[in-house]
PDB file of N, CA and C in Angstrom:
ATOM      1  N   MET A   1     -94.951 129.308 -29.097  1.00  0.00           N
ATOM      2  CA  MET A   1     -94.204 130.310 -28.360  1.00  0.00           C
ATOM      3  C   MET A   1     -93.111 130.872 -29.254  1.00  0.00           C
ATOM      4  N   LEU A   2     -92.922 132.171 -29.207  1.00  0.00           N
ATOM      5  CA  LEU A   2     -91.910 132.840 -30.016  1.00  0.00           C
ATOM      6  C   LEU A   2     -90.513 132.549 -29.490  1.00  0.00           C
ATOM      7  N   ASP A   3     -89.558 132.596 -30.396  1.00  0.00           N
ATOM      8  CA  ASP A   3     -88.153 132.417 -30.032  1.00  0.00           C
ATOM      9  C   ASP A   3     -87.429 133.726 -30.305  1.00  0.00           C
ATOM     10  N   LEU A   4     -86.899 134.332 -29.253  1.00  0.00           N
ATOM     11  CA  LEU A   4     -86.127 135.563 -29.379  1.00  0.00           C
ATOM     12  C   LEU A   4     -84.673 135.257 -29.067  1.00  0.00           C
ATOM     13  N   VAL A   5     -83.774 135.953 -29.738  1.00  0.00           N
ATOM     14  CA  VAL A   5     -82.343 135.755 -29.527  1.00  0.00           C
ATOM     15  C   VAL A   5     -81.724 137.100 -29.162  1.00  0.00           C
ATOM     16  N   VAL A   6     -80.927 137.096 -28.100  1.00  0.00           N
ATOM     17  CA  VAL A   6     -80.169 138.282 -27.712  1.00  0.00           C
ATOM     18  C   VAL A   6     -78.699 137.987 -28.000  1.00  0.00           C
ATOM     19  N   TYR A   7     -78.144 138.757 -28.925  1.00  0.00           N
ATOM     20  CA  TYR A   7     -76.713 138.661 -29.211  1.00  0.00           C
ATOM     21  C   TYR A   7     -76.010 139.535 -28.188  1.00  0.00           C
ATOM     22  N   SER A   8     -75.134 138.916 -27.433  1.00  0.00           N
ATOM     23  CA  SER A   8     -74.557 139.535 -26.257  1.00  0.00           C
ATOM     24  C   SER A   8     -73.061 139.270 -26.189  1.00  0.00           C
ATOM     25  N   ARG A   9     -72.458 139.770 -25.135  1.00  0.00           N
ATOM     26  CA  ARG A   9     -71.036 139.531 -24.894  1.00  0.00           C
ATOM     27  C   ARG A   9     -70.843 139.513 -23.377  1.00  0.00           C
ATOM     28  N   ARG A  10     -69.982 138.650 -22.923  1.00  0.00           N
ATOM     29  CA  ARG A  10     -69.687 138.549 -21.493  1.00  0.00           C
ATOM     30  C   ARG A  10     -69.193 139.898 -20.971  1.00  0.00           C
ATOM     31  N   GLY A  11     -69.741 140.311 -19.829  1.00  0.00           N
ATOM     32  CA  GLY A  11     -69.329 141.561 -19.205  1.00  0.00           C
ATOM     33  C   GLY A  11     -69.969 142.807 -19.783  1.00  0.00           C
ATOM     34  N   CYS A  12     -70.948 142.652 -20.626  1.00  0.00           N
ATOM     35  CA  CYS A  12     -71.613 143.791 -21.274  1.00  0.00           C
ATOM     36  C   CYS A  12     -72.749 144.302 -20.382  1.00  0.00           C
ATOM     37  N   HIS A  13     -72.573 145.509 -19.860  1.00  0.00           N
ATOM     38  CA  HIS A  13     -73.570 146.102 -18.969  1.00  0.00           C
ATOM     39  C   HIS A  13     -74.900 146.354 -19.699  1.00  0.00           C
ATOM     40  N   LEU A  14     -74.834 146.853 -20.926  1.00  0.00           N
ATOM     41  CA  LEU A  14     -76.067 147.090 -21.683  1.00  0.00           C
ATOM     42  C   LEU A  14     -76.824 145.794 -21.947  1.00  0.00           C
ATOM     43  N   CYS A  15     -76.082 144.710 -22.149  1.00  0.00           N
ATOM     44  CA  CYS A  15     -76.712 143.404 -22.365  1.00  0.00           C
ATOM     45  C   CYS A  15     -77.481 142.975 -21.119  1.00  0.00           C
ATOM     46  N   GLU A  16     -76.868 143.163 -19.972  1.00  0.00           N
ATOM     47  CA  GLU A  16     -77.519 142.812 -18.708  1.00  0.00           C
ATOM     48  C   GLU A  16     -78.780 143.637 -18.495  1.00  0.00           C
ATOM     49  N   LEU A  17     -78.717 144.926 -18.794  1.00  0.00           N
ATOM     50  CA  LEU A  17     -79.888 145.785 -18.647  1.00  0.00           C
ATOM     51  C   LEU A  17     -81.019 145.363 -19.575  1.00  0.00           C
ATOM     52  N   MET A  18     -80.670 145.045 -20.834  1.00  0.00           N
ATOM     53  CA  MET A  18     -81.702 144.619 -21.764  1.00  0.00           C
ATOM     54  C   MET A  18     -82.403 143.362 -21.261  1.00  0.00           C
ATOM     55  N   LEU A  19     -81.639 142.402 -20.789  1.00  0.00           N
ATOM     56  CA  LEU A  19     -82.227 141.159 -20.297  1.00  0.00           C
ATOM     57  C   LEU A  19     -83.099 141.389 -19.065  1.00  0.00           C
ATOM     58  N   GLU A  20     -82.685 142.281 -18.177  1.00  0.00           N
ATOM     59  CA  GLU A  20     -83.489 142.596 -16.992  1.00  0.00           C
ATOM     60  C   GLU A  20     -84.862 143.130 -17.377  1.00  0.00           C
ATOM     61  N   GLU A  21     -84.928 143.923 -18.432  1.00  0.00           N
ATOM     62  CA  GLU A  21     -86.197 144.482 -18.893  1.00  0.00           C
ATOM     63  C   GLU A  21     -86.981 143.490 -19.754  1.00  0.00           C
ATOM     64  N   LEU A  22     -86.266 142.671 -20.503  1.00  0.00           N
ATOM     65  CA  LEU A  22     -86.892 141.772 -21.463  1.00  0.00           C
ATOM     66  C   LEU A  22     -87.569 140.574 -20.812  1.00  0.00           C
ATOM     67  N   VAL A  23     -86.934 139.981 -19.840  1.00  0.00           N
ATOM     68  CA  VAL A  23     -87.454 138.743 -19.235  1.00  0.00           C
ATOM     69  C   VAL A  23     -88.884 138.909 -18.715  1.00  0.00           C
ATOM     70  N   PRO A  24     -89.197 139.949 -17.946  1.00  0.00           N
ATOM     71  CA  PRO A  24     -90.583 140.081 -17.480  1.00  0.00           C
ATOM     72  C   PRO A  24     -91.592 140.283 -18.616  1.00  0.00           C
ATOM     73  N   LEU A  25     -91.194 140.982 -19.688  1.00  0.00           N
ATOM     74  CA  LEU A  25     -92.100 141.197 -20.818  1.00  0.00           C
ATOM     75  C   LEU A  25     -92.452 139.893 -21.532  1.00  0.00           C
ATOM     76  N   CYS A  26     -91.504 138.978 -21.559  1.00  0.00           N
ATOM     77  CA  CYS A  26     -91.652 137.770 -22.368  1.00  0.00           C
ATOM     78  C   CYS A  26     -92.158 136.559 -21.592  1.00  0.00           C
ATOM     79  N   ARG A  27     -92.248 136.688 -20.290  1.00  0.00           N
ATOM     80  CA  ARG A  27     -92.635 135.550 -19.459  1.00  0.00           C
ATOM     81  C   ARG A  27     -93.904 134.884 -20.007  1.00  0.00           C
ATOM     82  N   ASP A  28     -93.807 133.596 -20.251  1.00  0.00           N
ATOM     83  CA  ASP A  28     -94.904 132.753 -20.760  1.00  0.00           C
ATOM     84  C   ASP A  28     -95.348 133.095 -22.183  1.00  0.00           C
ATOM     85  N   ARG A  29     -94.615 133.978 -22.873  1.00  0.00           N
ATOM     86  CA  ARG A  29     -94.989 134.332 -24.242  1.00  0.00           C
ATOM     87  C   ARG A  29     -93.871 134.082 -25.246  1.00  0.00           C
ATOM     88  N   ALA A  30     -92.643 133.966 -24.755  1.00  0.00           N
ATOM     89  CA  ALA A  30     -91.507 133.769 -25.668  1.00  0.00           C
ATOM     90  C   ALA A  30     -90.353 133.133 -24.906  1.00  0.00           C
ATOM     91  N   THR A  31     -89.529 132.409 -25.659  1.00  0.00           N
ATOM     92  CA  THR A  31     -88.278 131.927 -25.091  1.00  0.00           C
ATOM     93  C   THR A  31     -87.181 132.911 -25.496  1.00  0.00           C
ATOM     94  N   ILE A  32     -86.227 133.061 -24.614  1.00  0.00           N
ATOM     95  CA  ILE A  32     -85.125 133.982 -24.868  1.00  0.00           C
ATOM     96  C   ILE A  32     -83.834 133.185 -24.835  1.00  0.00           C
ATOM     97  N   ARG A  33     -83.106 133.224 -25.951  1.00  0.00           N
ATOM     98  CA  ARG A  33     -81.780 132.595 -26.007  1.00  0.00           C
ATOM     99  C   ARG A  33     -80.755 133.715 -26.029  1.00  0.00           C
ATOM    100  N   VAL A  34     -79.766 133.581 -25.190  1.00  0.00           N
ATOM    101  CA  VAL A  34     -78.674 134.555 -25.162  1.00  0.00           C
ATOM    102  C   VAL A  34     -77.463 133.870 -25.773  1.00  0.00           C
ATOM    103  N   VAL A  35     -76.928 134.475 -26.821  1.00  0.00           N
ATOM    104  CA  VAL A  35     -75.763 133.904 -27.494  1.00  0.00           C
ATOM    105  C   VAL A  35     -74.610 134.893 -27.449  1.00  0.00           C
ATOM    106  N   ASP A  36     -73.418 134.366 -27.303  1.00  0.00           N
ATOM    107  CA  ASP A  36     -72.208 135.172 -27.207  1.00  0.00           C
ATOM    108  C   ASP A  36     -71.685 135.465 -28.613  1.00  0.00           C
ATOM    109  N   VAL A  37     -71.671 136.747 -28.997  1.00  0.00           N
ATOM    110  CA  VAL A  37     -71.221 137.106 -30.340  1.00  0.00           C
ATOM    111  C   VAL A  37     -69.773 136.705 -30.581  1.00  0.00           C
ATOM    112  N   ASP A  38     -68.998 136.568 -29.512  1.00  0.00           N
ATOM    113  CA  ASP A  38     -67.593 136.223 -29.662  1.00  0.00           C
ATOM    114  C   ASP A  38     -67.368 134.734 -29.905  1.00  0.00           C
ATOM    115  N   SER A  39     -68.446 133.936 -29.853  1.00  0.00           N
ATOM    116  CA  SER A  39     -68.292 132.500 -30.050  1.00  0.00           C
ATOM    117  C   SER A  39     -68.277 132.100 -31.531  1.00  0.00           C
ATOM    118  N   ARG A  40     -68.666 133.040 -32.417  1.00  0.00           N
ATOM    119  CA  ARG A  40     -68.658 132.748 -33.857  1.00  0.00           C
ATOM    120  C   ARG A  40     -68.219 133.976 -34.636  1.00  0.00           C
ATOM    121  N   HIS A  41     -67.383 133.760 -35.631  1.00  0.00           N
ATOM    122  CA  HIS A  41     -66.882 134.876 -36.438  1.00  0.00           C
ATOM    123  C   HIS A  41     -67.989 135.590 -37.200  1.00  0.00           C
ATOM    124  N   ASP A  42     -68.986 134.850 -37.691  1.00  0.00           N
ATOM    125  CA  ASP A  42     -70.062 135.499 -38.438  1.00  0.00           C
ATOM    126  C   ASP A  42     -70.900 136.399 -37.537  1.00  0.00           C
ATOM    127  N   TRP A  43     -71.078 136.015 -36.282  1.00  0.00           N
ATOM    128  CA  TRP A  43     -71.801 136.886 -35.350  1.00  0.00           C
ATOM    129  C   TRP A  43     -70.963 138.106 -35.006  1.00  0.00           C
ATOM    130  N   GLN A  44     -69.670 137.932 -34.845  1.00  0.00           N
ATOM    131  CA  GLN A  44     -68.795 139.068 -34.576  1.00  0.00           C
ATOM    132  C   GLN A  44     -68.867 140.071 -35.726  1.00  0.00           C
ATOM    133  N   ALA A  45     -68.830 139.552 -36.945  1.00  0.00           N
ATOM    134  CA  ALA A  45     -68.884 140.421 -38.119  1.00  0.00           C
ATOM    135  C   ALA A  45     -70.236 141.132 -38.226  1.00  0.00           C
ATOM    136  N   ALA A  46     -71.315 140.426 -37.916  1.00  0.00           N
ATOM    137  CA  ALA A  46     -72.655 140.995 -38.059  1.00  0.00           C
ATOM    138  C   ALA A  46     -72.998 142.001 -36.959  1.00  0.00           C
ATOM    139  N   TYR A  47     -72.563 141.726 -35.732  1.00  0.00           N
ATOM    140  CA  TYR A  47     -73.022 142.540 -34.604  1.00  0.00           C
ATOM    141  C   TYR A  47     -71.914 143.344 -33.935  1.00  0.00           C
ATOM    142  N   GLY A  48     -70.685 142.882 -34.000  1.00  0.00           N
ATOM    143  CA  GLY A  48     -69.538 143.626 -33.471  1.00  0.00           C
ATOM    144  C   GLY A  48     -69.796 144.340 -32.173  1.00  0.00           C
ATOM    145  N   ASN A  49     -69.736 145.673 -32.215  1.00  0.00           N
ATOM    146  CA  ASN A  49     -69.941 146.491 -31.021  1.00  0.00           C
ATOM    147  C   ASN A  49     -71.363 147.046 -30.902  1.00  0.00           C
ATOM    148  N   ARG A  50     -72.281 146.558 -31.746  1.00  0.00           N
ATOM    149  CA  ARG A  50     -73.666 147.049 -31.693  1.00  0.00           C
ATOM    150  C   ARG A  50     -74.485 146.306 -30.648  1.00  0.00           C
ATOM    151  N   ILE A  51     -73.868 145.529 -29.812  1.00  0.00           N
ATOM    152  CA  ILE A  51     -74.601 144.709 -28.868  1.00  0.00           C
ATOM    153  C   ILE A  51     -75.144 145.537 -27.717  1.00  0.00           C
ATOM    154  N   PRO A  52     -76.176 145.063 -27.073  1.00  0.00           N
ATOM    155  CA  PRO A  52     -76.936 143.868 -27.391  1.00  0.00           C
ATOM    156  C   PRO A  52     -77.865 144.098 -28.585  1.00  0.00           C
ATOM    157  N   VAL A  53     -78.131 143.030 -29.289  1.00  0.00           N
ATOM    158  CA  VAL A  53     -79.087 143.060 -30.395  1.00  0.00           C
ATOM    159  C   VAL A  53     -80.118 141.973 -30.128  1.00  0.00           C
ATOM    160  N   LEU A  54     -81.378 142.358 -30.080  1.00  0.00           N
ATOM    161  CA  LEU A  54     -82.486 141.429 -29.885  1.00  0.00           C
ATOM    162  C   LEU A  54     -83.103 141.128 -31.235  1.00  0.00           C
ATOM    163  N   CYS A  55     -83.198 139.843 -31.568  1.00  0.00           N
ATOM    164  CA  CYS A  55     -83.739 139.437 -32.861  1.00  0.00           C
ATOM    165  C   CYS A  55     -84.893 138.463 -32.699  1.00  0.00           C
ATOM    166  N   HIS A  56     -85.812 138.575 -33.652  1.00  0.00           N
ATOM    167  CA  HIS A  56     -86.874 137.585 -33.824  1.00  0.00           C
ATOM    168  C   HIS A  56     -86.742 137.118 -35.258  1.00  0.00           C
ATOM    169  N   GLY A  57     -86.213 135.902 -35.432  1.00  0.00           N
ATOM    170  CA  GLY A  57     -85.897 135.434 -36.776  1.00  0.00           C
ATOM    171  C   GLY A  57     -84.813 136.327 -37.358  1.00  0.00           C
ATOM    172  N   ASP A  58     -85.042 136.847 -38.554  1.00  0.00           N
ATOM    173  CA  ASP A  58     -84.078 137.738 -39.199  1.00  0.00           C
ATOM    174  C   ASP A  58     -84.314 139.210 -38.867  1.00  0.00           C
ATOM    175  N   GLN A  59     -85.333 139.489 -38.080  1.00  0.00           N
ATOM    176  CA  GLN A  59     -85.700 140.873 -37.756  1.00  0.00           C
ATOM    177  C   GLN A  59     -84.964 141.342 -36.498  1.00  0.00           C
ATOM    178  N   GLU A  60     -84.269 142.472 -36.598  1.00  0.00           N
ATOM    179  CA  GLU A  60     -83.679 143.106 -35.421  1.00  0.00           C
ATOM    180  C   GLU A  60     -84.770 143.916 -34.744  1.00  0.00           C
ATOM    181  N   VAL A  61     -85.073 143.559 -33.524  1.00  0.00           N
ATOM    182  CA  VAL A  61     -86.151 144.207 -32.779  1.00  0.00           C
ATOM    183  C   VAL A  61     -85.623 145.379 -31.959  1.00  0.00           C
ATOM    184  N   SER A  62     -84.473 145.200 -31.342  1.00  0.00           N
ATOM    185  CA  SER A  62     -83.864 146.250 -30.518  1.00  0.00           C
ATOM    186  C   SER A  62     -82.353 146.169 -30.642  1.00  0.00           C
ATOM    187  N   VAL A  63     -81.717 147.333 -30.650  1.00  0.00           N
ATOM    188  CA  VAL A  63     -80.260 147.413 -30.679  1.00  0.00           C
ATOM    189  C   VAL A  63     -79.823 148.364 -29.566  1.00  0.00           C
ATOM    190  N   ALA A  64     -78.900 147.919 -28.744  1.00  0.00           N
ATOM    191  CA  ALA A  64     -78.304 148.682 -27.643  1.00  0.00           C
ATOM    192  C   ALA A  64     -79.251 148.853 -26.453  1.00  0.00           C
ATOM    193  N   ARG A  65     -80.417 149.347 -26.670  1.00  0.00           N
ATOM    194  CA  ARG A  65     -81.405 149.517 -25.593  1.00  0.00           C
ATOM    195  C   ARG A  65     -82.701 148.826 -25.999  1.00  0.00           C
ATOM    196  N   LEU A  66     -83.431 148.339 -25.024  1.00  0.00           N
ATOM    197  CA  LEU A  66     -84.680 147.637 -25.307  1.00  0.00           C
ATOM    198  C   LEU A  66     -85.733 148.608 -25.826  1.00  0.00           C
ATOM    199  N   ASP A  67     -86.298 148.287 -26.965  1.00  0.00           N
ATOM    200  CA  ASP A  67     -87.422 149.041 -27.517  1.00  0.00           C
ATOM    201  C   ASP A  67     -88.683 148.297 -27.092  1.00  0.00           C
ATOM    202  N   ARG A  68     -89.237 148.721 -25.978  1.00  0.00           N
ATOM    203  CA  ARG A  68     -90.380 148.027 -25.369  1.00  0.00           C
ATOM    204  C   ARG A  68     -91.558 147.908 -26.347  1.00  0.00           C
ATOM    205  N   ASP A  69     -91.871 148.975 -27.066  1.00  0.00           N
ATOM    206  CA  ASP A  69     -92.976 148.942 -28.009  1.00  0.00           C
ATOM    207  C   ASP A  69     -92.747 147.930 -29.131  1.00  0.00           C
ATOM    208  N   ALA A  70     -91.515 147.858 -29.623  1.00  0.00           N
ATOM    209  CA  ALA A  70     -91.193 146.895 -30.668  1.00  0.00           C
ATOM    210  C   ALA A  70     -91.309 145.461 -30.160  1.00  0.00           C
ATOM    211  N   VAL A  71     -90.879 145.237 -28.933  1.00  0.00           N
ATOM    212  CA  VAL A  71     -90.992 143.891 -28.334  1.00  0.00           C
ATOM    213  C   VAL A  71     -92.451 143.516 -28.180  1.00  0.00           C
ATOM    214  N   LEU A  72     -93.245 144.436 -27.660  1.00  0.00           N
ATOM    215  CA  LEU A  72     -94.678 144.150 -27.470  1.00  0.00           C
ATOM    216  C   LEU A  72     -95.363 143.901 -28.815  1.00  0.00           C
ATOM    217  N   ALA A  73     -94.956 144.598 -29.853  1.00  0.00           N
ATOM    218  CA  ALA A  73     -95.528 144.363 -31.181  1.00  0.00           C
ATOM    219  C   ALA A  73     -95.200 142.967 -31.662  1.00  0.00           C
ATOM    220  N   VAL A  74     -93.975 142.524 -31.450  1.00  0.00           N
ATOM    221  CA  VAL A  74     -93.565 141.167 -31.848  1.00  0.00           C
ATOM    222  C   VAL A  74     -94.356 140.132 -31.047  1.00  0.00           C
ATOM    223  N   LEU A  75     -94.563 140.425 -29.770  1.00  0.00           N
ATOM    224  CA  LEU A  75     -95.296 139.494 -28.903  1.00  0.00           C
ATOM    225  C   LEU A  75     -96.795 139.513 -29.184  1.00  0.00           C
ATOM    226  N   GLY A  76     -97.256 140.536 -29.905  1.00  0.00           N
ATOM    227  CA  GLY A  76     -98.683 140.636 -30.216  1.00  0.00           C
ATOM    228  C   GLY A  76     -99.493 141.155 -29.055  1.00  0.00           C
ATOM    229  N   ALA A  77     -98.836 141.862 -28.126  1.00  0.00           N
ATOM    230  CA  ALA A  77     -99.517 142.400 -26.946  1.00  0.00           C
ATOM    231  C   ALA A  77     -99.653 143.896 -27.076  1.00  0.00           C
ATOM    232  N   PRO A  78    -100.703 144.467 -26.490  1.00  0.00           N
ATOM    233  CA  PRO A  78    -100.825 145.921 -26.505  1.00  0.00           C
ATOM    234  C   PRO A  78     -99.750 146.563 -25.627  1.00  0.00           C
ATOM    235  N   PRO A  79     -99.250 147.738 -26.005  1.00  0.00           N
ATOM    236  CA  PRO A  79     -98.229 148.419 -25.195  1.00  0.00           C
ATOM    237  C   PRO A  79     -98.752 148.854 -23.849  1.00  0.00           C
TER     238      PRO A  79
END
């Protein structure tokens, strides 16, 4: 199963929207970890105000808004 990470921040409306769209796409195909960018200085420096950022390993899959096609490509599913 794939491991996806969403770099987020508490109270971020765009982060909530991304997760609402992402969870159904990934059900039974990937795990989703949500991490708070404010919990580590290196994450703050890397992502700052570009949140939410969805990553698979070192690859940024989506920034700010969910790129459904990019997620499906990572999952190996047809769009």
